[in-house]
C-alpha atoms as a PDB file:
ATOM      1  CA  UNK A   1      84.483  62.558  21.335  1.00  0.00           C
ATOM      2  CA  UNK A   2      86.222  64.385  18.486  1.00  0.00           C
ATOM      3  CA  UNK A   3      88.311  67.516  19.138  1.00  0.00           C
ATOM      4  CA  UNK A   4      86.467  67.916  22.429  1.00  0.00           C
ATOM      5  CA  UNK A   5      83.003  67.772  20.841  1.00  0.00           C
ATOM      6  CA  UNK A   6      80.539  64.972  21.307  1.00  0.00           C
ATOM      7  CA  UNK A   7      79.945  62.321  22.404  1.00  0.00           C
ATOM      8  CA  UNK A   8      79.197  60.734  19.044  1.00  0.00           C
ATOM      9  CA  UNK A   9      78.234  57.301  17.834  1.00  0.00           C
ATOM     10  CA  UNK A  10      80.938  55.800  15.651  1.00  0.00           C
ATOM     11  CA  UNK A  11      81.513  53.127  13.055  1.00  0.00           C
ATOM     12  CA  UNK A  12      84.836  52.050  11.619  1.00  0.00           C
ATOM     13  CA  UNK A  13      84.981  50.653   8.101  1.00  0.00           C
ATOM     14  CA  UNK A  14      88.001  48.413   7.680  1.00  0.00           C
ATOM     15  CA  UNK A  15      89.806  47.731   4.422  1.00  0.00           C
ATOM     16  CA  UNK A  16      90.078  44.051   3.600  1.00  0.00           C
ATOM     17  CA  UNK A  17      88.253  41.037   4.981  1.00  0.00           C
ATOM     18  CA  UNK A  18      90.076  41.014   8.300  1.00  0.00           C
ATOM     19  CA  UNK A  19      90.985  44.714   8.542  1.00  0.00           C
ATOM     20  CA  UNK A  20      94.615  43.977   7.686  1.00  0.00           C
ATOM     21  CA  UNK A  21      94.525  46.721   5.052  1.00  0.00           C
ATOM     22  CA  UNK A  22      93.927  49.491   7.577  1.00  0.00           C
ATOM     23  CA  UNK A  23      90.832  51.606   7.922  1.00  0.00           C
ATOM     24  CA  UNK A  24      88.720  52.828   5.046  1.00  0.00           C
ATOM     25  CA  UNK A  25      86.913  55.519   7.027  1.00  0.00           C
ATOM     26  CA  UNK A  26      85.746  56.421  10.503  1.00  0.00           C
ATOM     27  CA  UNK A  27      82.144  57.656  10.623  1.00  0.00           C
ATOM     28  CA  UNK A  28      80.784  59.748  13.501  1.00  0.00           C
ATOM     29  CA  UNK A  29      77.195  60.917  14.069  1.00  0.00           C
ATOM     30  CA  UNK A  30      74.883  62.038  16.841  1.00  0.00           C
ATOM     31  CA  UNK A  31      71.473  60.378  17.103  1.00  0.00           C
ATOM     32  CA  UNK A  32      69.560  63.340  18.531  1.00  0.00           C
ATOM     33  CA  UNK A  33      71.488  66.473  17.523  1.00  0.00           C
ATOM     34  CA  UNK A  34      72.041  66.868  13.803  1.00  0.00           C
ATOM     35  CA  UNK A  35      74.092  70.030  14.429  1.00  0.00           C
ATOM     36  CA  UNK A  36      76.497  68.445  16.931  1.00  0.00           C
ATOM     37  CA  UNK A  37      79.282  68.087  14.352  1.00  0.00           C
ATOM     38  CA  UNK A  38      79.094  71.623  12.936  1.00  0.00           C
ATOM     39  CA  UNK A  39      81.436  73.276  15.509  1.00  0.00           C
ATOM     40  CA  UNK A  40      84.138  70.782  14.495  1.00  0.00           C
ATOM     41  CA  UNK A  41      84.513  72.559  11.144  1.00  0.00           C
ATOM     42  CA  UNK A  42      85.340  75.870  12.841  1.00  0.00           C
ATOM     43  CA  UNK A  43      87.747  74.100  15.208  1.00  0.00           C
ATOM     44  CA  UNK A  44      89.547  72.486  12.261  1.00  0.00           C
ATOM     45  CA  UNK A  45      89.859  75.839  10.477  1.00  0.00           C
ATOM     46  CA  UNK A  46      91.311  77.444  13.632  1.00  0.00           C
ATOM     47  CA  UNK A  47      93.960  74.691  13.545  1.00  0.00           C
ATOM     48  CA  UNK A  48      94.917  75.536   9.948  1.00  0.00           C
ATOM     49  CA  UNK A  49      92.707  73.119   8.007  1.00  0.00           C
ATOM     50  CA  UNK A  50      91.241  74.410   4.738  1.00  0.00           C
ATOM     51  CA  UNK A  51      87.697  73.758   3.607  1.00  0.00           C
ATOM     52  CA  UNK A  52      85.973  73.375   0.269  1.00  0.00           C
ATOM     53  CA  UNK A  53      82.510  72.209  -0.705  1.00  0.00           C
ATOM     54  CA  UNK A  54      81.300  69.534  -3.080  1.00  0.00           C
ATOM     55  CA  UNK A  55      78.203  70.278  -5.115  1.00  0.00           C
ATOM     56  CA  UNK A  56      77.257  73.847  -5.945  1.00  0.00           C
ATOM     57  CA  UNK A  57      79.030  76.361  -3.728  1.00  0.00           C
ATOM     58  CA  UNK A  58      77.820  76.576  -0.160  1.00  0.00           C
ATOM     59  CA  UNK A  59      74.748  74.533  -1.078  1.00  0.00           C
ATOM     60  CA  UNK A  60      77.029  71.567  -1.693  1.00  0.00           C
ATOM     61  CA  UNK A  61      76.673  68.089  -0.411  1.00  0.00           C
ATOM     62  CA  UNK A  62      79.746  67.987   1.824  1.00  0.00           C
ATOM     63  CA  UNK A  63      82.326  70.224   3.429  1.00  0.00           C
ATOM     64  CA  UNK A  64      85.785  68.716   2.950  1.00  0.00           C
ATOM     65  CA  UNK A  65      88.571  69.735   5.353  1.00  0.00           C
ATOM     66  CA  UNK A  66      92.204  69.157   4.392  1.00  0.00           C
ATOM     67  CA  UNK A  67      95.563  69.888   5.917  1.00  0.00           C
ATOM     68  CA  UNK A  68      98.776  69.194   3.969  1.00  0.00           C
ATOM     69  CA  UNK A  69     100.415  67.790   7.125  1.00  0.00           C
ATOM     70  CA  UNK A  70      97.576  65.356   7.839  1.00  0.00           C
ATOM     71  CA  UNK A  71      97.281  61.818   6.502  1.00  0.00           C
ATOM     72  CA  UNK A  72      93.486  62.070   6.529  1.00  0.00           C
ATOM     73  CA  UNK A  73      90.779  64.432   5.336  1.00  0.00           C
ATOM     74  CA  UNK A  74      87.516  65.206   7.101  1.00  0.00           C
ATOM     75  CA  UNK A  75      84.167  65.146   5.314  1.00  0.00           C
ATOM     76  CA  UNK A  76      81.018  66.615   6.875  1.00  0.00           C
ATOM     77  CA  UNK A  77      77.565  66.094   5.380  1.00  0.00           C
ATOM     78  CA  UNK A  78      75.764  69.387   4.826  1.00  0.00           C
ATOM     79  CA  UNK A  79      72.335  68.066   3.960  1.00  0.00           C
ATOM     80  CA  UNK A  80      69.596  69.044   6.365  1.00  0.00           C
ATOM     81  CA  UNK A  81      67.753  65.776   5.744  1.00  0.00           C
ATOM     82  CA  UNK A  82      68.968  62.660   7.518  1.00  0.00           C
ATOM     83  CA  UNK A  83      71.807  62.257   9.974  1.00  0.00           C
ATOM     84  CA  UNK A  84      74.742  64.582   9.459  1.00  0.00           C
ATOM     85  CA  UNK A  85      77.853  62.421   9.405  1.00  0.00           C
ATOM     86  CA  UNK A  86      81.432  63.409  10.012  1.00  0.00           C
ATOM     87  CA  UNK A  87      83.876  61.089   8.287  1.00  0.00           C
ATOM     88  CA  UNK A  88      87.627  60.754   8.781  1.00  0.00           C
ATOM     89  CA  UNK A  89      88.995  59.414   5.499  1.00  0.00           C
ATOM     90  CA  UNK A  90      92.614  58.378   4.869  1.00  0.00           C
ATOM     91  CA  UNK A  91      94.204  60.247   1.956  1.00  0.00           C
ATOM     92  CA  UNK A  92      94.803  57.035   0.033  1.00  0.00           C
ATOM     93  CA  UNK A  93      91.032  56.470  -0.175  1.00  0.00           C
ATOM     94  CA  UNK A  94      90.275  58.195  -3.490  1.00  0.00           C
ATOM     95  CA  UNK A  95      86.764  56.695  -3.833  1.00  0.00           C
ATOM     96  CA  UNK A  96      85.343  59.282  -1.481  1.00  0.00           C
ATOM     97  CA  UNK A  97      84.666  62.873  -2.597  1.00  0.00           C
ATOM     98  CA  UNK A  98      87.245  65.559  -2.384  1.00  0.00           C
ATOM     99  CA  UNK A  99      87.770  69.054  -3.755  1.00  0.00           C
END
């Protein structure tokens, strides 16, 4: 579950061979409902998170949600093709897209 939505499948990518470096990202997805994560974006915005889009405007690849008080950012895949992932990415992880 994430913000009351779900349930989702999840994978946790750890940083370092034994995970001693913390987490690199948390990935959530739903096997049967590609749209299951979409309401999370609206819920984040109601809580004061801001959104921007990678790619070209609203046809971008990802919606990125940020909050200056949070130590993470949220990335949601926008592509219709494939599984739509929701990723929780720590702010120190600069390899992942941002706006």
